[in-house]
Each structure stands twice: as structure tokens, then as C-alpha cells.
Amino acid sequence: MDNTIDRDIIRNHIDAIILRLLTERDRYGYEICKEVASRSGGAYELKEPSLYTALRRLAAGGQVSSYWGDGASQGARRKYYRITKSGRAWFKHTLAEWRSIKQLMDKLIGEEA
């Protein structure tokens, strides 16, 4: 059995993953994908189409905003994303919900004795 994670299991949590990364600092899209792969030890790879769909959804909901970097130090201009006040509130709510679900799932299907 390989160590990759079924994409369907994480699909409903992509927004929370992105917002978590944006709580640390503003990031551009490719950087978000690389960070997800790095933090998961390669077990999960966030594909760019999924990322940009989520970013558009989060922007439409007011959880993130974007701006263009100056491009002076990197060459091409990059579009950066930042979490908004509304996004921080939504992330806190989602994190609390995730912790409750995790606790419940540990009770229901957690480690065997």
C-alpha cells in the first residue's frame, strides 16, 4: 500500500487547507501547491485546477483577496492571495468543526485496542 491519500477524502477540506497556509503569510498559487506537498511529505498533492477553483470560491465568498506582486525580484509578476478578516473567522469555525469531527471519528473508527 502506498502512502498517498485518496483525493476524495481531502476534497472537502481544500478551502481550510488554503486558509491555514494564508494565516501564516500571503502566498501565490504555485507556492501553496508546493507547501501542501511539502507538509504532507508527498502524501497529498494539491493540483492547480483544484487550487484555483478553491481560490475563486474563497474570493467570491470574501474569505480571500488577491493582488499582483511587483515582479521586480522574481521576474514575472505573481498573483498573491491574502486571508481576509472574514476568512480568519471562517477558518476558526472550520477548525473547531474539524476538531469535533476528528474526535467523533476517533471514537467511531479510531485505533484498535
Foldseek 3Di string as FASTA:
>chain_A
DDLADDCVVCLVVLLLLVLVVQVVHKDFQVVSQVVVCVVSVNNDGDDSVSSVVSVVVCVVVVQKDWDWDPCPVPPDITIIIHGDPVNVVVSVVVVVVVVVVVVVCCVVPNDDD
